[in-house]
């Protein structure tokens, strides 16, 4: 009996799904690999097609993005850009930290989600504010205190550490404070046009644009109390750490109403396929999170996030560590491969086929997937084929029936590297 490896099966399927030139023999392959110049930052393939770049170019970016130069022969058609680097974002510096964003004007394909990195020094405060959109966040350095109040006067004050998540429904009042010497986290919002007017509302800003007599009447104090309120919206300001105890007569935001999910306290098992871990955090285990669903992924060296697509939303990604390669398939023969690394964001259009590969031999790849949805959902290409009548699959793809019979009927979410 002849056996087929899982990698060979996937290779057979993906190879037949897209027309491409025949593979060179194993004797010619080393010679052709020497002829191609993508690792040297030049658009010259193994057959000698293309030529050197003679005009102005950013050599470092060319070396980081060989697939932009044409390294993948299976890429085809004019596919728009689906990635952005936070390093290309304008950094806003404040007395207590800094902020940089990726919004739809940076990455036009990202309509559902906008992202940001926010750094807070010890005691620093993200001012009292609210948004017309949902806010989601993941702590990746230090500790952060969050404080929020809902429309019923229920409140929550919680200290989060690395790996923890918060979620504020739109319109909910909140503030943030750094607790360690240096604290940093990823922020996300369920509207790519996050910088649009009427999206964020700050208390300082509102008070300075309200008549003093109205303020005095509203709060039952003297008008002079507001003489020292900042006239310019601070966004982030220096502060000191005080007591976190605030009792509300209306109760606390806890249980299914909690705005906090302590992922740091969850033992995440290895994902099917054995290539790493994937922690889903959505409305099924974090009930308040009905507008943004998340997956936090760690992929071992040379591992593969299997070929799949998402039926319910576009996928927004933040790469925190490592180097990756991903090909996005848009249908109609359109496909483009992207090289991704720490600090990059990306977006895969809704229902577009794709994979993510850790291209490092030694380093883990860590990223976060976000969806404007109540749940994380994906359809596995291999599982679909395995659960379809095998003669149909063999006939359509023109592959042996014996290959189809070897396909796994369970998702292989993160495939271990060879």
Protein backbone atom coordinates (compact mmCIF):
# COMPACT_ATOMS: atom_id res chain seq x y z
CA UNK A 1 0.00 0.00 0.00
CA UNK A 2 1.26 3.47 -0.87
CA UNK A 3 1.00 6.20 1.74
CA UNK A 4 0.95 9.96 1.15
CA UNK A 5 2.21 12.58 3.63
CA UNK A 6 -0.14 15.38 4.62
CA UNK A 7 2.27 17.95 3.17
CA UNK A 8 2.34 16.08 -0.12
CA UNK A 9 -1.45 16.01 -0.27
CA UNK A 10 -1.73 19.75 0.37
CA UNK A 11 0.98 20.34 -2.22
CA UNK A 12 -0.88 18.27 -4.77
CA UNK A 13 -4.14 20.12 -4.16
CA UNK A 14 -2.71 23.63 -4.20
CA UNK A 15 -0.49 22.86 -7.14
CA UNK A 16 -3.37 21.63 -9.29
CA UNK A 17 -5.75 24.36 -8.18
CA UNK A 18 -3.71 27.03 -10.01
CA UNK A 19 -2.08 26.61 -13.40
CA UNK A 20 1.69 27.13 -13.26
CA UNK A 21 4.82 26.22 -15.17
CA UNK A 22 6.11 22.69 -14.73
CA UNK A 23 8.59 22.22 -11.92
CA UNK A 24 12.29 21.95 -12.90
CA UNK A 25 14.03 18.66 -12.34
CA UNK A 26 15.92 18.14 -9.10
CA UNK A 27 19.18 18.34 -11.07
CA UNK A 28 18.35 21.78 -12.52
CA UNK A 29 16.81 23.23 -9.39
CA UNK A 30 20.07 24.23 -7.61
CA UNK A 31 21.30 25.98 -10.76
CA UNK A 32 18.02 27.87 -11.23
CA UNK A 33 17.94 28.89 -7.57
CA UNK A 34 21.36 30.45 -8.03
CA UNK A 35 20.13 32.39 -11.06
CA UNK A 36 17.15 33.97 -9.31
CA UNK A 37 18.02 37.20 -7.50
CA UNK A 38 15.10 37.83 -5.14
CA UNK A 39 17.23 37.26 -1.99
CA UNK A 40 19.53 39.99 -3.33
CA UNK A 41 16.64 42.41 -3.76
CA UNK A 42 16.45 42.15 -7.56
CA UNK A 43 13.38 41.14 -9.65
CA UNK A 44 15.08 38.33 -11.57
CA UNK A 45 13.52 34.86 -11.56
CA UNK A 46 15.07 31.42 -11.93
CA UNK A 47 14.61 31.48 -15.71
CA UNK A 48 16.46 34.78 -15.98
CA UNK A 49 13.29 36.83 -16.61
CA UNK A 50 13.18 40.36 -15.30
CA UNK A 51 16.25 42.50 -14.68
CA UNK A 52 18.05 44.59 -12.07
CA UNK A 53 16.54 47.74 -10.57
CA UNK A 54 18.58 50.64 -11.93
CA UNK A 55 16.55 53.58 -10.64
CA UNK A 56 15.93 54.79 -7.13
CA UNK A 57 14.73 52.13 -4.70
CA UNK A 58 14.69 51.36 -0.99
CA UNK A 59 17.06 48.40 -0.91
CA UNK A 60 16.20 47.42 2.66
CA UNK A 61 12.49 47.23 1.84
CA UNK A 62 13.23 45.24 -1.33
CA UNK A 63 15.19 42.70 0.72
CA UNK A 64 12.37 42.47 3.28
CA UNK A 65 9.72 41.95 0.59
CA UNK A 66 10.97 39.48 -2.03
CA UNK A 67 7.38 38.58 -2.89
CA UNK A 68 6.72 42.17 -3.99
CA UNK A 69 9.55 41.66 -6.47
CA UNK A 70 7.77 38.65 -7.97
CA UNK A 71 9.25 35.71 -6.06
CA UNK A 72 6.01 33.68 -6.12
CA UNK A 73 5.27 32.33 -9.61
CA UNK A 74 1.68 31.52 -8.53
CA UNK A 75 0.84 35.21 -7.92
CA UNK A 76 -1.36 36.68 -10.63
CA UNK A 77 -3.22 39.86 -11.56
CA UNK A 78 -3.36 43.30 -9.98
CA UNK A 79 -4.20 42.72 -6.32
CA UNK A 80 -4.23 45.76 -4.01
CA UNK A 81 -1.97 46.19 -1.02
CA UNK A 82 -3.21 44.39 2.09
CA UNK A 83 -0.51 45.33 4.61
CA UNK A 84 0.74 48.32 6.58
CA UNK A 85 3.56 48.76 9.08
CA UNK A 86 3.11 50.68 12.30
CA UNK A 87 6.64 51.96 11.59
CA UNK A 88 5.12 53.95 8.72
CA UNK A 89 2.54 55.57 11.01
CA UNK A 90 2.97 59.06 12.44
CA UNK A 91 3.85 58.83 16.13
CA UNK A 92 2.11 61.25 18.50
CA UNK A 93 4.19 61.97 21.64
CA UNK A 94 2.61 63.00 24.96
CA UNK A 95 3.96 63.73 28.46
CA UNK A 96 2.98 60.24 29.61
CA UNK A 97 3.64 58.12 26.53
CA UNK A 98 2.93 57.87 22.81
CA UNK A 99 0.37 56.65 20.27
CA UNK A 100 0.48 55.49 16.64
CA UNK A 101 -2.44 54.32 14.52
CA UNK A 102 -3.41 52.43 11.38
CA UNK A 103 -6.69 53.65 9.93
CA UNK A 104 -8.45 53.28 6.60
CA UNK A 105 -6.50 56.15 5.02
CA UNK A 106 -3.30 54.18 5.73
CA UNK A 107 -4.68 50.81 4.57
CA UNK A 108 -7.78 51.40 2.39
CA UNK A 109 -8.65 47.67 2.32
CA UNK A 110 -9.16 47.72 6.11
CA UNK A 111 -12.73 48.96 6.35
CA UNK A 112 -13.90 46.98 9.38
CA UNK A 113 -11.07 47.49 11.86
CA UNK A 114 -8.64 50.27 12.81
CA UNK A 115 -5.68 49.57 15.08
CA UNK A 116 -3.25 51.43 17.30
CA UNK A 117 -0.32 50.90 19.64
CA UNK A 118 -0.50 52.93 22.86
CA UNK A 119 2.40 53.29 25.33
CA UNK A 120 1.84 54.53 28.89
CA UNK A 121 4.55 55.32 31.41
CA UNK A 122 3.98 54.50 35.06
CA UNK A 123 0.96 56.40 36.34
CA UNK A 124 0.18 57.88 32.92
CA UNK A 125 -3.49 58.23 32.01
CA UNK A 126 -5.48 57.88 28.83
CA UNK A 127 -7.97 60.61 29.63
CA UNK A 128 -11.61 60.04 30.52
CA UNK A 129 -13.39 59.45 27.22
CA UNK A 130 -15.82 57.37 25.15
CA UNK A 131 -16.24 56.36 21.50
CA UNK A 132 -19.11 55.89 19.05
CA UNK A 133 -17.39 52.58 18.15
CA UNK A 134 -16.35 49.46 20.06
CA UNK A 135 -12.89 49.39 21.67
CA UNK A 136 -10.88 46.15 22.06
CA UNK A 137 -7.38 45.83 23.51
CA UNK A 138 -4.64 43.29 24.27
CA UNK A 139 -1.86 43.96 26.79
CA UNK A 140 1.58 42.80 25.57
CA UNK A 141 3.85 44.69 27.98
CA UNK A 142 3.43 45.78 31.60
CA UNK A 143 0.16 46.16 33.51
CA UNK A 144 -2.82 48.41 32.83
CA UNK A 145 -5.67 49.56 35.06
CA UNK A 146 -9.01 49.98 33.30
CA UNK A 147 -12.01 51.77 34.77
CA UNK A 148 -15.43 51.91 33.12
CA UNK A 149 -19.04 52.85 33.85
CA UNK A 150 -22.09 51.78 31.80
CA UNK A 151 -25.43 53.52 31.20
CA UNK A 152 -26.95 51.91 34.30
CA UNK A 153 -24.25 53.25 36.61
CA UNK A 154 -22.56 49.87 37.07
CA UNK A 155 -18.79 50.08 37.17
CA UNK A 156 -15.64 47.99 36.85
CA UNK A 157 -12.07 48.72 37.90
CA UNK A 158 -9.58 45.99 36.99
CA UNK A 159 -5.82 45.55 36.68
CA UNK A 160 -4.72 43.65 33.56
CA UNK A 161 -1.38 42.02 32.81
CA UNK A 162 0.33 40.64 29.72
CA UNK A 163 -2.07 38.48 27.73
CA UNK A 164 -5.25 40.03 29.13
CA UNK A 165 -7.98 41.66 27.03
CA UNK A 166 -10.57 44.37 27.55
CA UNK A 167 -13.64 45.25 25.51
CA UNK A 168 -15.68 48.45 25.81
CA UNK A 169 -19.00 48.53 23.92
CA UNK A 170 -19.59 51.73 21.97
CA UNK A 171 -20.56 54.72 24.06
CA UNK A 172 -19.27 53.33 27.38
CA UNK A 173 -17.28 55.73 29.56
CA UNK A 174 -13.75 54.60 30.41
CA UNK A 175 -10.15 55.49 31.19
CA UNK A 176 -6.78 53.67 31.29
CA UNK A 177 -3.69 53.94 33.49
CA UNK A 178 -0.19 52.43 33.25
CA UNK A 179 0.89 50.56 36.40
CA UNK A 180 4.43 49.35 35.61
CA UNK A 181 7.38 51.52 34.59
CA UNK A 182 6.59 50.88 30.90
CA UNK A 183 3.25 49.60 29.59
CA UNK A 184 2.05 48.97 26.05
CA UNK A 185 -0.92 47.42 24.33
CA UNK A 186 -2.72 46.94 21.03
CA UNK A 187 -5.97 48.83 20.57
CA UNK A 188 -8.58 48.03 17.93
CA UNK A 189 -11.90 49.60 16.93
CA UNK A 190 -14.73 48.25 14.79
CA UNK A 191 -14.54 51.02 12.18
CA UNK A 192 -11.59 51.51 9.84
CA UNK A 193 -12.32 55.26 9.70
CA UNK A 194 -11.55 55.73 13.38
CA UNK A 195 -10.17 59.27 12.97
CA UNK A 196 -13.45 60.58 11.53
CA UNK A 197 -15.05 63.50 13.36
CA UNK A 198 -17.52 62.37 16.00
CA UNK A 199 -15.72 59.13 16.87
CA UNK A 200 -13.94 59.97 20.17
CA UNK A 201 -15.21 62.28 22.91
CA UNK A 202 -12.95 63.52 25.73
CA UNK A 203 -14.19 64.90 29.05
CA UNK A 204 -11.54 67.68 29.17
CA UNK A 205 -12.49 68.75 25.68
CA UNK A 206 -16.22 68.83 26.51
CA UNK A 207 -15.79 70.75 29.76
CA UNK A 208 -13.64 73.46 28.18
CA UNK A 209 -16.31 74.01 25.52
CA UNK A 210 -19.23 74.25 27.95
CA UNK A 211 -20.23 77.56 29.65
CA UNK A 212 -18.88 77.78 33.20
CA UNK A 213 -22.30 78.68 34.57
CA UNK A 214 -23.72 75.44 33.15
CA UNK A 215 -20.84 73.42 34.62
CA UNK A 216 -21.37 74.97 38.05
CA UNK A 217 -25.10 74.23 37.92
CA UNK A 218 -24.58 70.68 36.66
CA UNK A 219 -21.98 69.66 39.26
CA UNK A 220 -23.19 71.85 42.14
CA UNK A 221 -19.84 73.61 42.57
CA UNK A 222 -18.30 77.05 42.10
CA UNK A 223 -17.33 78.07 38.56
CA UNK A 224 -13.72 78.61 39.63
CA UNK A 225 -13.29 74.85 40.12
CA UNK A 226 -12.80 74.51 36.37
CA UNK A 227 -10.06 77.14 35.99
CA UNK A 228 -7.35 74.49 35.79
CA UNK A 229 -9.02 72.07 33.38
CA UNK A 230 -6.67 71.63 30.37
CA UNK A 231 -7.75 73.78 27.43
CA UNK A 232 -6.20 71.35 24.98
CA UNK A 233 -7.39 67.74 24.94
CA UNK A 234 -4.50 65.83 26.61
CA UNK A 235 -5.17 62.29 25.18
CA UNK A 236 -2.34 60.97 27.41
CA UNK A 237 -1.05 62.77 30.50
CA UNK A 238 1.23 62.05 33.44
CA UNK A 239 -0.37 60.92 36.68
CA UNK A 240 0.10 59.05 39.93
CA UNK A 241 -1.33 55.68 40.93
CA UNK A 242 -3.99 55.88 43.61
CA UNK A 243 -6.71 53.70 45.08
CA UNK A 244 -8.73 51.47 42.76
CA UNK A 245 -11.66 51.05 45.15
CA UNK A 246 -14.87 52.69 43.91
CA UNK A 247 -18.12 51.12 45.11
CA UNK A 248 -21.20 51.72 42.97
CA UNK A 249 -24.68 51.56 44.55
CA UNK A 250 -25.87 50.19 41.21
CA UNK A 251 -23.60 47.15 41.23
CA UNK A 252 -20.53 45.98 39.33
CA UNK A 253 -19.87 44.93 35.76
CA UNK A 254 -19.06 41.30 36.35
CA UNK A 255 -19.87 37.83 35.06
CA UNK A 256 -21.37 38.01 31.57
CA UNK A 257 -21.30 41.82 31.80
CA UNK A 258 -17.58 42.06 32.57
CA UNK A 259 -15.48 44.18 30.21
CA UNK A 260 -12.33 42.17 31.03
CA UNK A 261 -11.11 38.73 29.93
CA UNK A 262 -8.07 37.35 31.79
CA UNK A 263 -6.51 35.25 29.03
CA UNK A 264 -3.30 35.20 31.08
CA UNK A 265 -5.07 32.81 33.46
CA UNK A 266 -6.23 30.40 30.72
CA UNK A 267 -4.25 27.28 29.83
CA UNK A 268 -4.39 27.31 26.01
CA UNK A 269 -3.96 23.81 24.50
CA UNK A 270 -2.02 23.08 21.34
CA UNK A 271 -4.09 23.55 18.21
CA UNK A 272 -5.01 20.64 15.91
CA UNK A 273 -2.05 20.01 13.62
CA UNK A 274 0.47 20.38 16.44
CA UNK A 275 2.10 23.54 15.11
CA UNK A 276 1.33 25.94 17.96
CA UNK A 277 -1.52 27.47 19.93
CA UNK A 278 -4.62 29.43 18.93
CA UNK A 279 -6.74 31.06 21.63
CA UNK A 280 -10.19 32.19 20.51
CA UNK A 281 -11.74 35.03 22.52
CA UNK A 282 -15.23 35.87 21.31
CA UNK A 283 -18.83 36.04 22.56
CA UNK A 284 -18.81 32.32 23.34
CA UNK A 285 -16.30 32.72 26.20
CA UNK A 286 -16.34 36.53 26.59
CA UNK A 287 -20.09 37.30 26.36
CA UNK A 288 -19.83 41.10 26.17
CA UNK A 289 -17.65 40.86 23.04
CA UNK A 290 -20.38 40.82 20.40
CA UNK A 291 -18.75 43.20 17.91
CA UNK A 292 -15.09 42.12 17.82
CA UNK A 293 -13.92 38.50 17.91
CA UNK A 294 -10.26 37.60 18.34
CA UNK A 295 -7.73 34.81 17.98
CA UNK A 296 -4.26 35.04 19.52
CA UNK A 297 -1.91 32.74 17.62
CA UNK A 298 1.57 31.35 18.25
CA UNK A 299 3.02 29.34 15.34
CA UNK A 300 6.20 27.30 15.72
CA UNK A 301 9.16 27.67 13.28
CA UNK A 302 8.31 26.59 9.71
CA UNK A 303 4.71 25.95 10.76
CA UNK A 304 1.65 26.72 8.63
CA UNK A 305 -1.77 28.21 9.41
CA UNK A 306 -3.64 25.92 7.07
CA UNK A 307 -5.38 27.02 3.85
CA UNK A 308 -8.75 28.46 4.90
CA UNK A 309 -11.16 31.36 4.64
CA UNK A 310 -13.52 33.25 6.94
CA UNK A 311 -17.22 33.21 5.97
CA UNK A 312 -18.43 35.94 8.31
CA UNK A 313 -15.99 38.88 8.22
CA UNK A 314 -12.77 40.29 6.85
CA UNK A 315 -9.70 39.40 8.90
CA UNK A 316 -7.53 42.13 10.41
CA UNK A 317 -4.09 41.08 11.67
CA UNK A 318 -1.35 42.47 13.90
CA UNK A 319 2.01 40.70 13.83
CA UNK A 320 3.75 40.96 17.19
CA UNK A 321 6.80 38.73 16.73
CA UNK A 322 8.60 36.88 13.94
CA UNK A 323 8.44 36.77 10.14
CA UNK A 324 5.67 35.39 7.95
CA UNK A 325 4.56 34.80 4.40
CA UNK A 326 0.92 34.81 3.33
CA UNK A 327 -0.82 34.47 -0.03
CA UNK A 328 -4.30 35.94 -0.48
CA UNK A 329 -6.56 34.40 -3.15
CA UNK A 330 -9.40 36.65 -4.37
CA UNK A 331 -10.96 34.34 -6.94
CA UNK A 332 -10.92 34.85 -10.72
CA UNK A 333 -7.26 33.88 -10.88
CA UNK A 334 -6.18 36.79 -8.63
CA UNK A 335 -3.59 36.10 -5.93
CA UNK A 336 -0.80 38.01 -4.21
CA UNK A 337 1.83 36.99 -1.67
CA UNK A 338 2.93 39.26 1.17
CA UNK A 339 6.00 39.21 3.42
CA UNK A 340 5.08 40.17 6.99
CA UNK A 341 7.08 40.86 10.15
CA UNK A 342 6.73 42.21 13.68
CA UNK A 343 4.91 45.56 13.70
CA UNK A 344 2.97 44.92 10.50
CA UNK A 345 -0.79 44.97 10.23
CA UNK A 346 -2.70 43.28 7.43
CA UNK A 347 -6.19 42.58 6.19
CA UNK A 348 -7.63 39.62 4.28
CA UNK A 349 -10.93 40.45 2.55
CA UNK A 350 -14.03 38.56 3.65
CA UNK A 351 -14.14 35.03 2.17
CA UNK A 352 -10.71 35.35 0.51
CA UNK A 353 -8.63 32.16 0.67
CA UNK A 354 -5.28 32.41 2.44
CA UNK A 355 -2.62 30.79 4.60
CA UNK A 356 0.08 32.13 6.94
CA UNK A 357 3.51 30.49 7.08
CA UNK A 358 6.23 31.02 9.68
CA UNK A 359 9.31 31.34 7.47
CA UNK A 360 11.80 31.33 10.35
CA UNK A 361 13.84 28.24 11.17
CA UNK A 362 14.19 29.19 14.84
CA UNK A 363 11.73 31.90 15.94
CA UNK A 364 8.07 31.63 16.87
CA UNK A 365 5.55 33.70 14.93
CA UNK A 366 3.00 35.52 17.10
CA UNK A 367 0.03 37.43 15.74
CA UNK A 368 -3.51 38.53 16.58
CA UNK A 369 -6.51 38.02 14.30
CA UNK A 370 -9.55 40.29 14.70
CA UNK A 371 -12.99 40.08 13.10
CA UNK A 372 -15.93 42.47 13.16
CA UNK A 373 -18.18 39.68 14.32
CA UNK A 374 -19.48 37.94 17.42
CA UNK A 375 -17.36 34.85 16.74
CA UNK A 376 -14.20 33.53 15.11
CA UNK A 377 -15.15 31.28 12.17
CA UNK A 378 -13.09 29.65 9.44
CA UNK A 379 -13.58 27.02 6.77
CA UNK A 380 -10.70 24.57 6.26
CA UNK A 381 -9.92 23.71 2.63
CA UNK A 382 -8.60 20.26 3.55
CA UNK A 383 -11.56 19.42 5.79
CA UNK A 384 -14.01 20.53 3.10
CA UNK A 385 -12.39 18.28 0.51
CA UNK A 386 -12.13 15.37 2.94
CA UNK A 387 -15.85 15.57 3.75
CA UNK A 388 -16.95 15.78 0.10
CA UNK A 389 -17.55 12.59 -1.91
CA UNK A 390 -14.01 11.54 -2.85
CA UNK A 391 -14.75 10.69 -6.47
CA UNK A 392 -16.03 14.23 -7.00
CA UNK A 393 -12.87 15.76 -5.52
CA UNK A 394 -10.59 13.45 -7.53
CA UNK A 395 -12.48 14.23 -10.74
CA UNK A 396 -12.51 18.02 -10.28
CA UNK A 397 -8.86 18.33 -9.22
CA UNK A 398 -7.58 15.54 -11.50
CA UNK A 399 -5.74 13.84 -8.65
CA UNK A 400 -5.71 10.16 -7.64
CA UNK A 401 -8.61 8.95 -5.51
CA UNK A 402 -6.02 7.49 -3.13
CA UNK A 403 -4.74 11.01 -2.42
CA UNK A 404 -8.23 12.21 -1.55
CA UNK A 405 -8.70 9.27 0.79
CA UNK A 406 -5.69 10.41 2.83
CA UNK A 407 -7.09 13.88 3.54
CA UNK A 408 -7.79 14.55 7.21
CA UNK A 409 -11.42 15.05 8.18
CA UNK A 410 -10.50 17.17 11.21
CA UNK A 411 -9.16 20.69 10.85
CA UNK A 412 -5.37 20.93 10.96
CA UNK A 413 -5.43 24.53 12.13
CA UNK A 414 -1.69 24.97 12.77
CA UNK A 415 0.43 22.44 10.88
CA UNK A 416 3.80 21.63 12.46
CA UNK A 417 6.84 22.49 10.35
CA UNK A 418 8.99 19.79 8.82
